[in-house]
Amino acid sequence: MKAPFIHPNALVESENIGNGSSIWAFTHIMKNARIGTNCNIGDHNFIESGVIIGNNVTLIGEHAECDMCGGKYTIQNNKILPL
């Protein structure tokens, strides 16, 4: 299985990033967040501790300074979300 890609300008504090996922520039993923397999987390997203993102999910940030996926949310499998 393909290891996750983490852009050098992303801040990833979580160790729970699924295989085949891509984390792009200026994204911040806090400790204890979980990202499933084959996810695409676009640039300038913020994912708070405790958030669970399922498999095959794409997050697309339209306004980088305002985008946030936080709190105790679960995003189910196979979703594409413009934040």
PDB file of N, CA and C in Angstrom:
ATOM      1  N   MET A   1       0.853  -1.181   0.000  1.00  0.00           N
ATOM      2  CA  MET A   1       0.000   0.000   0.000  1.00  0.00           C
ATOM      3  C   MET A   1       0.892   1.234   0.000  1.00  0.00           C
ATOM      4  N   LYS A   2       0.479   2.242  -0.727  1.00  0.00           N
ATOM      5  CA  LYS A   2       1.232   3.480  -0.896  1.00  0.00           C
ATOM      6  C   LYS A   2       1.208   4.309   0.391  1.00  0.00           C
ATOM      7  N   ALA A   3       2.371   4.744   0.828  1.00  0.00           N
ATOM      8  CA  ALA A   3       2.477   5.584   2.026  1.00  0.00           C
ATOM      9  C   ALA A   3       1.821   6.940   1.769  1.00  0.00           C
ATOM     10  N   PRO A   4       1.351   7.618   2.829  1.00  0.00           N
ATOM     11  CA  PRO A   4       0.758   8.940   2.620  1.00  0.00           C
ATOM     12  C   PRO A   4       1.809   9.950   2.154  1.00  0.00           C
ATOM     13  N   PHE A   5       1.364  10.920   1.346  1.00  0.00           N
ATOM     14  CA  PHE A   5       2.218  12.029   0.932  1.00  0.00           C
ATOM     15  C   PHE A   5       1.888  13.218   1.815  1.00  0.00           C
ATOM     16  N   ILE A   6       2.899  13.797   2.434  1.00  0.00           N
ATOM     17  CA  ILE A   6       2.714  14.996   3.250  1.00  0.00           C
ATOM     18  C   ILE A   6       3.624  16.077   2.688  1.00  0.00           C
ATOM     19  N   HIS A   7       3.020  17.151   2.190  1.00  0.00           N
ATOM     20  CA  HIS A   7       3.782  18.257   1.617  1.00  0.00           C
ATOM     21  C   HIS A   7       4.723  18.827   2.684  1.00  0.00           C
ATOM     22  N   PRO A   8       5.933  19.226   2.297  1.00  0.00           N
ATOM     23  CA  PRO A   8       6.893  19.761   3.273  1.00  0.00           C
ATOM     24  C   PRO A   8       6.386  20.995   4.018  1.00  0.00           C
ATOM     25  N   ASN A   9       5.429  21.735   3.455  1.00  0.00           N
ATOM     26  CA  ASN A   9       4.898  22.921   4.123  1.00  0.00           C
ATOM     27  C   ASN A   9       3.595  22.653   4.869  1.00  0.00           C
ATOM     28  N   ALA A  10       3.246  21.396   5.070  1.00  0.00           N
ATOM     29  CA  ALA A  10       2.084  21.042   5.892  1.00  0.00           C
ATOM     30  C   ALA A  10       2.562  20.790   7.321  1.00  0.00           C
ATOM     31  N   LEU A  11       1.717  21.102   8.290  1.00  0.00           N
ATOM     32  CA  LEU A  11       2.005  20.815   9.693  1.00  0.00           C
ATOM     33  C   LEU A  11       1.085  19.679  10.118  1.00  0.00           C
ATOM     34  N   VAL A  12       1.658  18.496  10.283  1.00  0.00           N
ATOM     35  CA  VAL A  12       0.880  17.307  10.634  1.00  0.00           C
ATOM     36  C   VAL A  12       1.375  16.802  11.978  1.00  0.00           C
ATOM     37  N   GLU A  13       0.547  16.985  13.012  1.00  0.00           N
ATOM     38  CA  GLU A  13       0.882  16.539  14.362  1.00  0.00           C
ATOM     39  C   GLU A  13       0.332  15.150  14.653  1.00  0.00           C
ATOM     40  N   SER A  14      -0.604  14.692  13.845  1.00  0.00           N
ATOM     41  CA  SER A  14      -1.222  13.385  14.031  1.00  0.00           C
ATOM     42  C   SER A  14      -0.371  12.291  13.394  1.00  0.00           C
ATOM     43  N   GLU A  15      -0.383  11.132  14.012  1.00  0.00           N
ATOM     44  CA  GLU A  15       0.279   9.955  13.445  1.00  0.00           C
ATOM     45  C   GLU A  15      -0.728   9.048  12.745  1.00  0.00           C
ATOM     46  N   ASN A  16      -1.978   9.490  12.646  1.00  0.00           N
ATOM     47  CA  ASN A  16      -3.054   8.665  12.096  1.00  0.00           C
ATOM     48  C   ASN A  16      -3.470   9.140  10.709  1.00  0.00           C
ATOM     49  N   ILE A  17      -2.556   9.038   9.751  1.00  0.00           N
ATOM     50  CA  ILE A  17      -2.825   9.413   8.366  1.00  0.00           C
ATOM     51  C   ILE A  17      -2.825   8.132   7.544  1.00  0.00           C
ATOM     52  N   GLY A  18      -3.928   7.854   6.857  1.00  0.00           N
ATOM     53  CA  GLY A  18      -4.076   6.602   6.118  1.00  0.00           C
ATOM     54  C   GLY A  18      -3.200   6.513   4.882  1.00  0.00           C
ATOM     55  N   ASN A  19      -2.884   5.286   4.508  1.00  0.00           N
ATOM     56  CA  ASN A  19      -2.100   5.028   3.301  1.00  0.00           C
ATOM     57  C   ASN A  19      -2.794   5.597   2.072  1.00  0.00           C
ATOM     58  N   GLY A  20      -1.996   6.091   1.139  1.00  0.00           N
ATOM     59  CA  GLY A  20      -2.521   6.618  -0.107  1.00  0.00           C
ATOM     60  C   GLY A  20      -3.111   8.013  -0.004  1.00  0.00           C
ATOM     61  N   SER A  21      -3.101   8.613   1.185  1.00  0.00           N
ATOM     62  CA  SER A  21      -3.650   9.958   1.360  1.00  0.00           C
ATOM     63  C   SER A  21      -2.608  11.008   1.003  1.00  0.00           C
ATOM     64  N   SER A  22      -3.089  12.189   0.601  1.00  0.00           N
ATOM     65  CA  SER A  22      -2.219  13.324   0.286  1.00  0.00           C
ATOM     66  C   SER A  22      -2.625  14.503   1.154  1.00  0.00           C
ATOM     67  N   ILE A  23      -1.640  15.112   1.801  1.00  0.00           N
ATOM     68  CA  ILE A  23      -1.844  16.289   2.636  1.00  0.00           C
ATOM     69  C   ILE A  23      -1.046  17.414   1.986  1.00  0.00           C
ATOM     70  N   TRP A  24      -1.721  18.485   1.571  1.00  0.00           N
ATOM     71  CA  TRP A  24      -1.070  19.515   0.772  1.00  0.00           C
ATOM     72  C   TRP A  24      -0.626  20.707   1.612  1.00  0.00           C
ATOM     73  N   ALA A  25       0.058  21.635   0.974  1.00  0.00           N
ATOM     74  CA  ALA A  25       0.750  22.752   1.629  1.00  0.00           C
ATOM     75  C   ALA A  25      -0.161  23.568   2.545  1.00  0.00           C
ATOM     76  N   PHE A  26       0.413  23.985   3.654  1.00  0.00           N
ATOM     77  CA  PHE A  26      -0.203  24.901   4.614  1.00  0.00           C
ATOM     78  C   PHE A  26      -1.458  24.344   5.271  1.00  0.00           C
ATOM     79  N   THR A  27      -1.610  23.032   5.229  1.00  0.00           N
ATOM     80  CA  THR A  27      -2.658  22.362   5.989  1.00  0.00           C
ATOM     81  C   THR A  27      -2.117  22.059   7.376  1.00  0.00           C
ATOM     82  N   HIS A  28      -2.972  22.196   8.385  1.00  0.00           N
ATOM     83  CA  HIS A  28      -2.601  21.876   9.765  1.00  0.00           C
ATOM     84  C   HIS A  28      -3.541  20.782  10.255  1.00  0.00           C
ATOM     85  N   ILE A  29      -2.964  19.639  10.601  1.00  0.00           N
ATOM     86  CA  ILE A  29      -3.726  18.527  11.164  1.00  0.00           C
ATOM     87  C   ILE A  29      -3.223  18.322  12.583  1.00  0.00           C
ATOM     88  N   MET A  30      -4.105  18.536  13.553  1.00  0.00           N
ATOM     89  CA  MET A  30      -3.705  18.465  14.955  1.00  0.00           C
ATOM     90  C   MET A  30      -3.580  17.017  15.437  1.00  0.00           C
ATOM     91  N   LYS A  31      -2.882  16.873  16.554  1.00  0.00           N
ATOM     92  CA  LYS A  31      -2.699  15.577  17.199  1.00  0.00           C
ATOM     93  C   LYS A  31      -4.071  14.962  17.490  1.00  0.00           C
ATOM     94  N   ASN A  32      -4.169  13.661  17.350  1.00  0.00           N
ATOM     95  CA  ASN A  32      -5.375  12.864  17.620  1.00  0.00           C
ATOM     96  C   ASN A  32      -6.479  13.020  16.575  1.00  0.00           C
ATOM     97  N   ALA A  33      -6.213  13.716  15.473  1.00  0.00           N
ATOM     98  CA  ALA A  33      -7.141  13.680  14.334  1.00  0.00           C
ATOM     99  C   ALA A  33      -6.841  12.401  13.562  1.00  0.00           C
ATOM    100  N   ARG A  34      -7.852  11.855  12.886  1.00  0.00           N
ATOM    101  CA  ARG A  34      -7.651  10.632  12.092  1.00  0.00           C
ATOM    102  C   ARG A  34      -8.098  10.867  10.659  1.00  0.00           C
ATOM    103  N   ILE A  35      -7.202  10.571   9.728  1.00  0.00           N
ATOM    104  CA  ILE A  35      -7.481  10.702   8.302  1.00  0.00           C
ATOM    105  C   ILE A  35      -7.462   9.299   7.711  1.00  0.00           C
ATOM    106  N   GLY A  36      -8.511   8.920   6.986  1.00  0.00           N
ATOM    107  CA  GLY A  36      -8.606   7.583   6.404  1.00  0.00           C
ATOM    108  C   GLY A  36      -7.668   7.371   5.225  1.00  0.00           C
ATOM    109  N   THR A  37      -7.862   6.257   4.532  1.00  0.00           N
ATOM    110  CA  THR A  37      -7.026   5.923   3.379  1.00  0.00           C
ATOM    111  C   THR A  37      -7.514   6.650   2.128  1.00  0.00           C
ATOM    112  N   ASN A  38      -6.581   6.913   1.231  1.00  0.00           N
ATOM    113  CA  ASN A  38      -6.872   7.520  -0.078  1.00  0.00           C
ATOM    114  C   ASN A  38      -7.627   8.842   0.017  1.00  0.00           C
ATOM    115  N   CYS A  39      -7.296   9.651   1.019  1.00  0.00           N
ATOM    116  CA  CYS A  39      -7.912  10.969   1.156  1.00  0.00           C
ATOM    117  C   CYS A  39      -7.045  12.019   0.473  1.00  0.00           C
ATOM    118  N   ASN A  40      -7.666  13.115   0.085  1.00  0.00           N
ATOM    119  CA  ASN A  40      -6.964  14.244  -0.508  1.00  0.00           C
ATOM    120  C   ASN A  40      -7.348  15.479   0.295  1.00  0.00           C
ATOM    121  N   ILE A  41      -6.436  15.927   1.143  1.00  0.00           N
ATOM    122  CA  ILE A  41      -6.683  17.092   1.984  1.00  0.00           C
ATOM    123  C   ILE A  41      -5.982  18.271   1.313  1.00  0.00           C
ATOM    124  N   GLY A  42      -6.774  19.127   0.664  1.00  0.00           N
ATOM    125  CA  GLY A  42      -6.231  20.240  -0.106  1.00  0.00           C
ATOM    126  C   GLY A  42      -5.493  21.246   0.764  1.00  0.00           C
ATOM    127  N   ASP A  43      -4.831  22.187   0.106  1.00  0.00           N
ATOM    128  CA  ASP A  43      -4.028  23.162   0.842  1.00  0.00           C
ATOM    129  C   ASP A  43      -4.894  24.102   1.680  1.00  0.00           C
ATOM    130  N   HIS A  44      -4.285  24.623   2.743  1.00  0.00           N
ATOM    131  CA  HIS A  44      -4.875  25.624   3.636  1.00  0.00           C
ATOM    132  C   HIS A  44      -6.081  25.110   4.420  1.00  0.00           C
ATOM    133  N   ASN A  45      -6.137  23.831   4.746  1.00  0.00           N
ATOM    134  CA  ASN A  45      -7.204  23.305   5.596  1.00  0.00           C
ATOM    135  C   ASN A  45      -6.700  23.159   7.020  1.00  0.00           C
ATOM    136  N   PHE A  46      -7.614  23.196   7.979  1.00  0.00           N
ATOM    137  CA  PHE A  46      -7.295  23.012   9.393  1.00  0.00           C
ATOM    138  C   PHE A  46      -8.208  21.920   9.930  1.00  0.00           C
ATOM    139  N   ILE A  47      -7.598  20.879  10.502  1.00  0.00           N
ATOM    140  CA  ILE A  47      -8.363  19.754  11.035  1.00  0.00           C
ATOM    141  C   ILE A  47      -8.005  19.614  12.506  1.00  0.00           C
ATOM    142  N   GLU A  48      -8.996  19.810  13.340  1.00  0.00           N
ATOM    143  CA  GLU A  48      -8.791  19.863  14.778  1.00  0.00           C
ATOM    144  C   GLU A  48      -8.665  18.472  15.390  1.00  0.00           C
ATOM    145  N   SER A  49      -8.067  18.415  16.559  1.00  0.00           N
ATOM    146  CA  SER A  49      -7.908  17.179  17.314  1.00  0.00           C
ATOM    147  C   SER A  49      -9.269  16.529  17.552  1.00  0.00           C
ATOM    148  N   GLY A  50      -9.348  15.213  17.373  1.00  0.00           N
ATOM    149  CA  GLY A  50     -10.583  14.476  17.603  1.00  0.00           C
ATOM    150  C   GLY A  50     -11.444  14.296  16.371  1.00  0.00           C
ATOM    151  N   VAL A  51     -11.129  14.998  15.280  1.00  0.00           N
ATOM    152  CA  VAL A  51     -11.897  14.851  14.044  1.00  0.00           C
ATOM    153  C   VAL A  51     -11.527  13.531  13.381  1.00  0.00           C
ATOM    154  N   ILE A  52     -12.531  12.823  12.875  1.00  0.00           N
ATOM    155  CA  ILE A  52     -12.320  11.568  12.156  1.00  0.00           C
ATOM    156  C   ILE A  52     -12.799  11.770  10.725  1.00  0.00           C
ATOM    157  N   ILE A  53     -11.914  11.538   9.772  1.00  0.00           N
ATOM    158  CA  ILE A  53     -12.259  11.632   8.356  1.00  0.00           C
ATOM    159  C   ILE A  53     -12.145  10.235   7.775  1.00  0.00           C
ATOM    160  N   GLY A  54     -13.206   9.765   7.126  1.00  0.00           N
ATOM    161  CA  GLY A  54     -13.247   8.406   6.585  1.00  0.00           C
ATOM    162  C   GLY A  54     -12.326   8.216   5.394  1.00  0.00           C
ATOM    163  N   ASN A  55     -12.547   7.140   4.658  1.00  0.00           N
ATOM    164  CA  ASN A  55     -11.734   6.797   3.491  1.00  0.00           C
ATOM    165  C   ASN A  55     -12.255   7.492   2.238  1.00  0.00           C
ATOM    166  N   ASN A  56     -11.351   7.782   1.305  1.00  0.00           N
ATOM    167  CA  ASN A  56     -11.709   8.345  -0.005  1.00  0.00           C
ATOM    168  C   ASN A  56     -12.428   9.685   0.098  1.00  0.00           C
ATOM    169  N   VAL A  57     -12.015  10.519   1.052  1.00  0.00           N
ATOM    170  CA  VAL A  57     -12.615  11.835   1.261  1.00  0.00           C
ATOM    171  C   VAL A  57     -11.693  12.896   0.681  1.00  0.00           C
ATOM    172  N   THR A  58     -12.274  13.902   0.016  1.00  0.00           N
ATOM    173  CA  THR A  58     -11.525  15.049  -0.480  1.00  0.00           C
ATOM    174  C   THR A  58     -12.035  16.302   0.214  1.00  0.00           C
ATOM    175  N   LEU A  59     -11.124  17.088   0.812  1.00  0.00           N
ATOM    176  CA  LEU A  59     -11.467  18.378   1.408  1.00  0.00           C
ATOM    177  C   LEU A  59     -10.857  19.467   0.543  1.00  0.00           C
ATOM    178  N   ILE A  60     -11.689  20.399   0.101  1.00  0.00           N
ATOM    179  CA  ILE A  60     -11.235  21.479  -0.761  1.00  0.00           C
ATOM    180  C   ILE A  60     -11.539  22.790  -0.052  1.00  0.00           C
ATOM    181  N   GLY A  61     -10.507  23.559   0.248  1.00  0.00           N
ATOM    182  CA  GLY A  61     -10.694  24.853   0.895  1.00  0.00           C
ATOM    183  C   GLY A  61     -10.822  25.958  -0.133  1.00  0.00           C
ATOM    184  N   GLU A  62     -11.898  26.762  -0.033  1.00  0.00           N
ATOM    185  CA  GLU A  62     -12.086  27.867  -0.962  1.00  0.00           C
ATOM    186  C   GLU A  62     -11.529  29.168  -0.417  1.00  0.00           C
ATOM    187  N   HIS A  63     -11.667  29.386   0.872  1.00  0.00           N
ATOM    188  CA  HIS A  63     -11.151  30.590   1.516  1.00  0.00           C
ATOM    189  C   HIS A  63     -10.221  30.133   2.623  1.00  0.00           C
ATOM    190  N   ALA A  64      -8.944  30.099   2.315  1.00  0.00           N
ATOM    191  CA  ALA A  64      -7.961  29.437   3.163  1.00  0.00           C
ATOM    192  C   ALA A  64      -7.973  29.927   4.598  1.00  0.00           C
ATOM    193  N   GLU A  65      -8.122  31.229   4.812  1.00  0.00           N
ATOM    194  CA  GLU A  65      -7.999  31.754   6.159  1.00  0.00           C
ATOM    195  C   GLU A  65      -9.202  31.424   7.029  1.00  0.00           C
ATOM    196  N   CYS A  66     -10.286  30.955   6.458  1.00  0.00           N
ATOM    197  CA  CYS A  66     -11.499  30.687   7.228  1.00  0.00           C
ATOM    198  C   CYS A  66     -11.848  29.209   7.333  1.00  0.00           C
ATOM    199  N   ASP A  67     -11.152  28.354   6.613  1.00  0.00           N
ATOM    200  CA  ASP A  67     -11.556  26.951   6.566  1.00  0.00           C
ATOM    201  C   ASP A  67     -11.174  26.212   7.828  1.00  0.00           C
ATOM    202  N   MET A  68     -12.121  25.449   8.332  1.00  0.00           N
ATOM    203  CA  MET A  68     -11.846  24.665   9.518  1.00  0.00           C
ATOM    204  C   MET A  68     -12.777  23.477   9.562  1.00  0.00           C
ATOM    205  N   CYS A  69     -12.231  22.357   9.903  1.00  0.00           N
ATOM    206  CA  CYS A  69     -13.015  21.175  10.192  1.00  0.00           C
ATOM    207  C   CYS A  69     -12.642  20.818  11.612  1.00  0.00           C
ATOM    208  N   GLY A  70     -13.461  21.179  12.573  1.00  0.00           N
ATOM    209  CA  GLY A  70     -13.051  21.012  13.952  1.00  0.00           C
ATOM    210  C   GLY A  70     -14.131  20.398  14.807  1.00  0.00           C
ATOM    211  N   GLY A  71     -13.820  20.239  16.082  1.00  0.00           N
ATOM    212  CA  GLY A  71     -14.750  19.659  17.017  1.00  0.00           C
ATOM    213  C   GLY A  71     -14.788  18.153  16.926  1.00  0.00           C
ATOM    214  N   LYS A  72     -15.868  17.577  17.352  1.00  0.00           N
ATOM    215  CA  LYS A  72     -16.033  16.124  17.390  1.00  0.00           C
ATOM    216  C   LYS A  72     -16.848  15.654  16.198  1.00  0.00           C
ATOM    217  N   TYR A  73     -16.370  15.888  14.995  1.00  0.00           N
ATOM    218  CA  TYR A  73     -17.081  15.519  13.780  1.00  0.00           C
ATOM    219  C   TYR A  73     -16.511  14.258  13.170  1.00  0.00           C
ATOM    220  N   THR A  74     -17.367  13.526  12.487  1.00  0.00           N
ATOM    221  CA  THR A  74     -16.951  12.387  11.681  1.00  0.00           C
ATOM    222  C   THR A  74     -17.420  12.640  10.260  1.00  0.00           C
ATOM    223  N   ILE A  75     -16.495  12.581   9.310  1.00  0.00           N
ATOM    224  CA  ILE A  75     -16.843  12.697   7.900  1.00  0.00           C
ATOM    225  C   ILE A  75     -16.788  11.294   7.329  1.00  0.00           C
ATOM    226  N   GLN A  76     -17.905  10.835   6.794  1.00  0.00           N
ATOM    227  CA  GLN A  76     -18.027   9.464   6.319  1.00  0.00           C
ATOM    228  C   GLN A  76     -17.208   9.224   5.055  1.00  0.00           C
ATOM    229  N   ASN A  77     -17.125   7.973   4.642  1.00  0.00           N
ATOM    230  CA  ASN A  77     -16.365   7.571   3.461  1.00  0.00           C
ATOM    231  C   ASN A  77     -16.937   8.169   2.175  1.00  0.00           C
ATOM    232  N   ASN A  78     -16.049   8.319   1.188  1.00  0.00           N
ATOM    233  CA  ASN A  78     -16.420   8.690  -0.185  1.00  0.00           C
ATOM    234  C   ASN A  78     -17.117  10.045  -0.299  1.00  0.00           C
ATOM    235  N   LYS A  79     -16.622  11.049   0.394  1.00  0.00           N
ATOM    236  CA  LYS A  79     -17.212  12.391   0.351  1.00  0.00           C
ATOM    237  C   LYS A  79     -16.242  13.372  -0.297  1.00  0.00           C
ATOM    238  N   ILE A  80     -16.799  14.382  -0.955  1.00  0.00           N
ATOM    239  CA  ILE A  80     -16.035  15.524  -1.446  1.00  0.00           C
ATOM    240  C   ILE A  80     -16.676  16.751  -0.823  1.00  0.00           C
ATOM    241  N   LEU A  81     -15.906  17.478  -0.028  1.00  0.00           N
ATOM    242  CA  LEU A  81     -16.468  18.594   0.716  1.00  0.00           C
ATOM    243  C   LEU A  81     -15.736  19.890   0.412  1.00  0.00           C
ATOM    244  N   PRO A  82     -16.412  20.882  -0.158  1.00  0.00           N
ATOM    245  CA  PRO A  82     -15.828  22.224  -0.177  1.00  0.00           C
ATOM    246  C   PRO A  82     -16.141  22.855   1.166  1.00  0.00           C
ATOM    247  N   LEU A  83     -15.113  23.287   1.868  1.00  0.00           N
ATOM    248  CA  LEU A  83     -15.334  23.845   3.202  1.00  0.00           C
ATOM    249  C   LEU A  83     -15.657  25.313   3.147  1.00  0.00           C
TER     250      LEU A  83
END
